[in-house]
């Protein structure tokens, strides 16, 4: 509080899609000017998004947010990164058996099952040679500046922070309607777009 009893804003967390940028994924001059005005007044700006770090970089560059005390929160809160060094400060990965549980639930639906961390954006398939990536999904990869790769669950290595089901509205409606009650207890679930159902670790959410 200031001496006048008015709250002083020290930090503003800003989502990217639909907030920082418009439907064309463009940050308008007015938004940019307003953010820089706040920064000049000592307000810390933190971009918070479901995107991976690769999909945030263009906006960090545009806003020149690479000071040693600049950070971003990506993957719906699962990763906190220092922007100037790309050092990951905190990360909350999925346990492998949790991924296997979600995949087992979703493998018979027509919606695609996706996995993501800060290095890879995978579509999981039992047959990498026969599978193909939908153009709409390729476009999603282009938006977050991370190409979608094909892999199987059996050959998967490394830690992952988010699973997703991708499809048209009807396909995602079908997956969402079939989610077991225990999933809502075990995971953080968000229908972030008509075509996207995101499932994260219980302690990680879009809020």
Protein backbone atom coordinates (compact mmCIF):
# COMPACT_ATOMS: atom_id res chain seq x y z
CA UNK A 1 0.00 0.00 0.00
CA UNK A 2 1.16 3.54 -0.68
CA UNK A 3 1.10 6.23 2.00
CA UNK A 4 -2.29 7.29 0.58
CA UNK A 5 -3.76 3.86 1.26
CA UNK A 6 -3.87 2.94 -2.43
CA UNK A 7 -2.53 -0.44 -3.55
CA UNK A 8 0.67 -0.19 -5.59
CA UNK A 9 0.88 -2.64 -8.50
CA UNK A 10 4.30 -4.31 -8.58
CA UNK A 11 3.69 -7.15 -11.02
CA UNK A 12 1.27 -7.83 -13.86
CA UNK A 13 0.91 -11.33 -15.30
CA UNK A 14 -0.37 -11.34 -18.90
CA UNK A 15 -1.70 -14.20 -21.00
CA UNK A 16 -0.65 -14.20 -24.66
CA UNK A 17 -3.38 -15.54 -26.96
CA UNK A 18 -6.46 -13.35 -26.84
CA UNK A 19 -4.88 -10.96 -24.33
CA UNK A 20 -1.40 -9.79 -25.32
CA UNK A 21 -2.11 -10.52 -28.99
CA UNK A 22 -5.26 -10.36 -31.08
CA UNK A 23 -6.85 -13.08 -33.23
CA UNK A 24 -4.18 -12.49 -35.88
CA UNK A 25 -1.49 -13.15 -33.21
CA UNK A 26 -0.37 -9.52 -33.47
CA UNK A 27 0.52 -7.29 -30.53
CA UNK A 28 -0.96 -3.91 -31.34
CA UNK A 29 0.99 -0.68 -30.94
CA UNK A 30 -1.36 0.41 -28.13
CA UNK A 31 -0.78 -2.76 -26.14
CA UNK A 32 2.97 -2.52 -26.62
CA UNK A 33 2.99 1.15 -25.61
CA UNK A 34 0.94 0.42 -22.48
CA UNK A 35 3.24 -2.40 -21.40
CA UNK A 36 6.34 -0.29 -21.89
CA UNK A 37 4.74 2.54 -19.90
CA UNK A 38 4.12 0.13 -17.00
CA UNK A 39 7.67 -1.21 -17.23
CA UNK A 40 9.07 2.34 -17.17
CA UNK A 41 7.14 2.90 -13.94
CA UNK A 42 8.82 -0.13 -12.35
CA UNK A 43 6.01 -2.65 -12.83
CA UNK A 44 7.29 -6.16 -13.51
CA UNK A 45 5.59 -7.80 -16.51
CA UNK A 46 5.46 -11.61 -16.64
CA UNK A 47 4.04 -13.42 -19.68
CA UNK A 48 2.00 -16.46 -18.61
CA UNK A 49 0.73 -18.86 -21.22
CA UNK A 50 0.02 -22.41 -22.28
CA UNK A 51 2.62 -22.02 -25.03
CA UNK A 52 6.15 -23.44 -24.81
CA UNK A 53 9.07 -21.01 -24.53
CA UNK A 54 9.68 -21.15 -28.31
CA UNK A 55 6.22 -19.70 -28.90
CA UNK A 56 6.84 -16.87 -26.43
CA UNK A 57 10.22 -15.70 -27.74
CA UNK A 58 8.93 -13.39 -30.52
CA UNK A 59 6.95 -11.36 -27.98
CA UNK A 60 9.82 -11.27 -25.50
CA UNK A 61 11.99 -9.90 -28.30
CA UNK A 62 9.38 -7.35 -29.30
CA UNK A 63 9.04 -6.15 -25.70
CA UNK A 64 12.80 -6.41 -25.02
CA UNK A 65 12.22 -8.51 -21.89
CA UNK A 66 15.65 -10.03 -21.38
CA UNK A 67 16.84 -8.48 -18.12
CA UNK A 68 18.27 -10.76 -15.44
CA UNK A 69 15.06 -10.43 -13.41
CA UNK A 70 12.74 -11.17 -16.35
CA UNK A 71 10.90 -14.48 -16.24
CA UNK A 72 8.13 -16.25 -18.15
CA UNK A 73 5.64 -18.87 -17.07
CA UNK A 74 4.92 -21.38 -19.83
CA UNK A 75 3.02 -24.64 -20.37
CA UNK A 76 0.04 -23.52 -18.25
CA UNK A 77 2.26 -22.93 -15.24
CA UNK A 78 4.38 -26.08 -15.49
CA UNK A 79 7.64 -24.26 -16.35
CA UNK A 80 9.22 -21.01 -15.09
CA UNK A 81 12.15 -19.75 -17.17
CA UNK A 82 14.62 -16.88 -16.80
CA UNK A 83 14.48 -15.14 -20.16
CA UNK A 84 18.05 -13.86 -20.54
CA UNK A 85 19.76 -17.22 -19.97
CA UNK A 86 16.85 -19.61 -20.78
CA UNK A 87 17.56 -21.25 -17.43
CA UNK A 88 14.58 -23.25 -16.18
CA UNK A 89 13.95 -22.15 -12.59
CA UNK A 90 11.10 -24.53 -11.82
CA UNK A 91 9.44 -27.38 -13.72
CA UNK A 92 6.61 -29.73 -12.80
CA UNK A 93 6.75 -32.75 -15.16
CA UNK A 94 4.26 -35.56 -15.55
CA UNK A 95 5.11 -38.96 -14.15
CA UNK A 96 5.45 -41.52 -16.98
CA UNK A 97 2.71 -43.76 -15.59
CA UNK A 98 0.32 -40.79 -15.61
CA UNK A 99 0.97 -40.26 -19.31
CA UNK A 100 0.37 -43.96 -19.93
CA UNK A 101 -2.93 -43.77 -18.02
CA UNK A 102 -4.21 -40.85 -20.11
CA UNK A 103 -3.04 -42.47 -23.35
CA UNK A 104 -4.77 -45.75 -22.48
CA UNK A 105 -8.00 -43.84 -21.90
CA UNK A 106 -7.78 -41.91 -25.16
CA UNK A 107 -6.26 -44.35 -27.64
CA UNK A 108 -9.58 -45.46 -29.14
CA UNK A 109 -10.88 -41.94 -29.80
CA UNK A 110 -10.35 -40.26 -33.17
CA UNK A 111 -8.85 -37.16 -31.54
CA UNK A 112 -5.05 -37.02 -31.60
CA UNK A 113 -3.08 -37.50 -28.37
CA UNK A 114 -0.28 -34.96 -27.95
CA UNK A 115 2.62 -34.49 -25.54
CA UNK A 116 4.73 -31.40 -25.00
CA UNK A 117 7.77 -30.14 -23.13
CA UNK A 118 10.02 -27.15 -23.88
CA UNK A 119 11.95 -29.05 -26.58
CA UNK A 120 9.40 -31.32 -28.27
CA UNK A 121 5.81 -31.32 -29.46
CA UNK A 122 4.81 -34.94 -30.11
CA UNK A 123 1.79 -36.66 -31.58
CA UNK A 124 1.71 -40.13 -30.04
CA UNK A 125 0.85 -42.94 -32.43
CA UNK A 126 1.18 -46.73 -32.36
CA UNK A 127 2.38 -46.71 -35.98
CA UNK A 128 4.74 -43.87 -36.93
CA UNK A 129 4.98 -44.99 -40.59
CA UNK A 130 1.23 -45.10 -41.20
CA UNK A 131 0.28 -42.01 -39.19
CA UNK A 132 -0.04 -38.53 -40.63
CA UNK A 133 -0.28 -35.11 -39.03
CA UNK A 134 -3.41 -33.12 -39.82
CA UNK A 135 -2.77 -29.74 -41.51
CA UNK A 136 -4.62 -28.03 -38.65
CA UNK A 137 -2.26 -29.63 -36.14
CA UNK A 138 0.75 -28.62 -38.23
CA UNK A 139 -0.64 -25.09 -38.07
CA UNK A 140 -0.82 -25.30 -34.29
CA UNK A 141 2.85 -26.25 -34.25
CA UNK A 142 3.66 -23.27 -36.44
CA UNK A 143 1.79 -20.95 -34.07
CA UNK A 144 3.90 -22.05 -31.08
CA UNK A 145 7.05 -22.29 -33.25
CA UNK A 146 7.56 -25.96 -32.45
CA UNK A 147 6.98 -28.49 -35.26
CA UNK A 148 4.82 -31.49 -34.42
CA UNK A 149 6.76 -34.76 -34.47
CA UNK A 150 5.48 -38.34 -34.60
CA UNK A 151 6.56 -40.87 -31.97
CA UNK A 152 5.24 -43.86 -30.07
CA UNK A 153 4.76 -44.10 -26.33
CA UNK A 154 7.15 -47.06 -26.22
CA UNK A 155 10.06 -45.03 -27.62
CA UNK A 156 9.30 -41.85 -25.66
CA UNK A 157 12.17 -40.46 -23.58
CA UNK A 158 12.52 -37.46 -21.30
CA UNK A 159 10.12 -35.50 -19.11
CA UNK A 160 6.87 -33.95 -20.36
CA UNK A 161 4.70 -31.31 -18.77
CA UNK A 162 1.44 -31.36 -20.72
CA UNK A 163 -0.80 -33.80 -22.57
CA UNK A 164 -3.51 -32.75 -25.00
CA UNK A 165 -6.29 -34.14 -27.15
CA UNK A 166 -6.59 -32.37 -30.52
CA UNK A 167 -9.43 -32.67 -33.02
CA UNK A 168 -12.54 -30.99 -34.35
CA UNK A 169 -15.20 -29.80 -31.91
CA UNK A 170 -17.22 -33.03 -32.06
CA UNK A 171 -14.13 -35.18 -31.45
CA UNK A 172 -13.12 -33.18 -28.39
CA UNK A 173 -16.72 -33.14 -27.12
CA UNK A 174 -16.61 -36.94 -27.24
CA UNK A 175 -13.34 -37.15 -25.29
CA UNK A 176 -14.47 -34.60 -22.71
CA UNK A 177 -17.80 -36.37 -22.13
CA UNK A 178 -16.01 -39.67 -21.52
CA UNK A 179 -13.43 -38.39 -19.01
CA UNK A 180 -13.55 -40.56 -15.87
CA UNK A 181 -14.43 -38.79 -12.63
CA UNK A 182 -11.08 -39.82 -11.16
CA UNK A 183 -9.27 -37.81 -13.85
CA UNK A 184 -10.67 -34.63 -12.34
CA UNK A 185 -9.18 -35.69 -9.01
CA UNK A 186 -5.80 -36.70 -10.42
CA UNK A 187 -5.17 -34.04 -13.08
CA UNK A 188 -5.76 -30.42 -14.04
CA UNK A 189 -8.12 -30.40 -17.04
CA UNK A 190 -8.96 -27.43 -19.28
CA UNK A 191 -10.89 -27.11 -22.55
CA UNK A 192 -8.71 -24.26 -23.77
CA UNK A 193 -10.14 -24.22 -27.32
CA UNK A 194 -13.03 -25.93 -29.10
CA UNK A 195 -10.42 -28.17 -30.72
CA UNK A 196 -8.11 -28.66 -27.72
CA UNK A 197 -8.46 -30.41 -24.36
CA UNK A 198 -5.41 -29.95 -22.13
CA UNK A 199 -4.50 -32.23 -19.23
CA UNK A 200 -1.73 -31.28 -16.83
CA UNK A 201 -0.37 -32.37 -13.48
CA UNK A 202 -2.73 -31.78 -10.55
CA UNK A 203 -0.68 -28.91 -9.08
CA UNK A 204 -0.40 -27.12 -12.45
CA UNK A 205 -3.27 -25.20 -14.01
CA UNK A 206 -4.13 -22.26 -16.25
CA UNK A 207 -5.11 -20.20 -13.19
